[in-house]
Amino acid sequence: MGNFVWKVLGTGSAVVAGIAAKKVIAAIWEKAGKDLDIDPNNPDSPIVEAVLYATVAGVAVGLARTMATRKAAQFYQRSAGHLPVGMDDSGKGGLPPKPAK
């Protein structure tokens, strides 16, 4: 499997997960009796609701995208026999080494 396959797989799974998370957040927000027309950027929206919505949506979308990308990388690794280019298996997230003192 090549780098192109990983880009499509990783990006596609993250996008789909983000869309799904937004739909789940909208359903939960509506079940809680909140207005779906909330715009956190609108100064006329109540600040508490705007901050709460932005926080919940940000965490949910970020978590969904992270988990989807991890699962896509796991699938890629099983299929190709190695992690995608740019990912290492040291668990450090590809961070550069610390400079010597």
Foldseek 3Di string as FASTA:
>chain_A
DALVVLVCQLVVQLVVLLVVLVVVLLVVCVVVVHDSPDDLVDPVHPVVVSVVSCVSSVVSSVVSSVVSNVVSQVVVCVVVVAGHPQADDPPPSNDDDDDDD
